[in-house]
């Protein structure tokens, strides 16, 4: 899964910065994210479920926020993952 792009959010920059530093908001922004746990100031442990057609798998991984510049409210995020469960095909009805 690759997530790229930009979003224009019509609220004050400080409000967006606070929201993106809130684990529950981050969880809502990541498709399939089931859990997110803060490990350090800029690292989170995540559990994601992804499905492609009838195949579904769970992935554990970490989300790292880097290039944090609080003065201009800029940050980068990178996620690494590993498969937690073997993908299973769901029977077709």
Protein backbone atom coordinates (compact mmCIF):
# COMPACT_ATOMS: atom_id res chain seq x y z
CA UNK A 1 0.00 0.00 0.00
CA UNK A 2 1.35 3.38 -0.91
CA UNK A 3 -0.15 6.62 0.32
CA UNK A 4 1.03 9.82 -1.34
CA UNK A 5 -0.40 13.23 -2.07
CA UNK A 6 -1.51 16.39 -0.38
CA UNK A 7 -4.63 17.53 1.42
CA UNK A 8 -5.72 21.13 1.96
CA UNK A 9 -7.45 21.30 5.34
CA UNK A 10 -9.45 24.50 5.95
CA UNK A 11 -8.55 24.96 9.64
CA UNK A 12 -5.73 26.83 11.40
CA UNK A 13 -2.29 25.26 10.98
CA UNK A 14 -1.80 24.87 14.74
CA UNK A 15 -5.01 22.82 14.99
CA UNK A 16 -3.88 20.47 12.21
CA UNK A 17 -0.45 20.07 13.86
CA UNK A 18 -2.06 19.09 17.18
CA UNK A 19 -4.36 16.62 15.44
CA UNK A 20 -1.54 14.92 13.52
CA UNK A 21 0.34 14.44 16.78
CA UNK A 22 -2.67 12.68 18.31
CA UNK A 23 -2.45 8.85 17.97
CA UNK A 24 -6.22 8.48 17.52
CA UNK A 25 -6.22 10.97 14.64
CA UNK A 26 -3.25 9.18 13.05
CA UNK A 27 -5.14 5.89 13.38
CA UNK A 28 -8.15 7.35 11.58
CA UNK A 29 -5.89 8.59 8.75
CA UNK A 30 -4.29 5.20 8.01
CA UNK A 31 -6.53 2.87 5.98
CA UNK A 32 -7.13 -0.42 7.79
CA UNK A 33 -5.35 0.67 10.98
CA UNK A 34 -6.78 -1.29 13.92
CA UNK A 35 -4.43 -0.20 16.70
CA UNK A 36 -1.74 2.39 17.24
CA UNK A 37 0.50 2.51 20.30
CA UNK A 38 2.98 5.29 21.08
CA UNK A 39 6.50 3.89 21.61
CA UNK A 40 8.38 7.21 21.81
CA UNK A 41 7.85 10.87 20.90
CA UNK A 42 8.10 10.09 17.20
CA UNK A 43 7.51 6.32 16.88
CA UNK A 44 4.30 4.27 16.99
CA UNK A 45 3.57 0.52 16.81
CA UNK A 46 0.67 -0.19 14.45
CA UNK A 47 -1.58 -3.09 13.41
CA UNK A 48 -3.17 -2.86 9.95
CA UNK A 49 -5.57 -5.16 8.13
CA UNK A 50 -5.37 -5.05 4.34
CA UNK A 51 -7.55 -6.85 1.82
CA UNK A 52 -7.13 -7.37 -1.89
CA UNK A 53 -10.16 -9.07 -3.32
CA UNK A 54 -10.84 -12.21 -1.27
CA UNK A 55 -7.36 -12.17 0.36
CA UNK A 56 -7.05 -10.52 3.76
CA UNK A 57 -3.91 -10.15 5.93
CA UNK A 58 -2.83 -8.41 9.13
CA UNK A 59 0.42 -6.48 9.28
CA UNK A 60 2.30 -5.21 12.30
CA UNK A 61 4.78 -2.45 11.90
CA UNK A 62 6.00 0.88 13.04
CA UNK A 63 5.23 4.41 12.01
CA UNK A 64 8.08 6.88 12.42
CA UNK A 65 7.59 10.63 12.21
CA UNK A 66 10.79 12.33 11.03
CA UNK A 67 12.01 15.70 9.82
CA UNK A 68 9.93 17.27 12.58
CA UNK A 69 10.12 21.03 12.39
CA UNK A 70 7.76 22.48 14.96
CA UNK A 71 8.58 26.08 13.96
CA UNK A 72 7.03 25.64 10.50
CA UNK A 73 4.88 22.64 11.51
CA UNK A 74 6.34 20.22 9.00
CA UNK A 75 6.94 16.49 9.36
CA UNK A 76 7.47 13.35 7.31
CA UNK A 77 6.12 9.91 8.10
CA UNK A 78 7.43 6.49 7.16
CA UNK A 79 5.90 3.11 7.92
CA UNK A 80 7.56 -0.30 7.87
CA UNK A 81 5.62 -3.53 8.21
CA UNK A 82 5.75 -7.30 8.33
CA UNK A 83 3.00 -9.79 7.74
CA UNK A 84 1.48 -11.06 10.98
CA UNK A 85 -0.86 -13.65 9.54
CA UNK A 86 -0.94 -15.76 6.43
CA UNK A 87 -3.33 -14.35 3.86
CA UNK A 88 -6.46 -16.49 3.54
CA UNK A 89 -8.88 -16.63 0.68
CA UNK A 90 -12.48 -16.25 1.75
CA UNK A 91 -14.85 -18.86 0.27
CA UNK A 92 -17.13 -17.51 -2.38
CA UNK A 93 -20.84 -17.96 -1.87
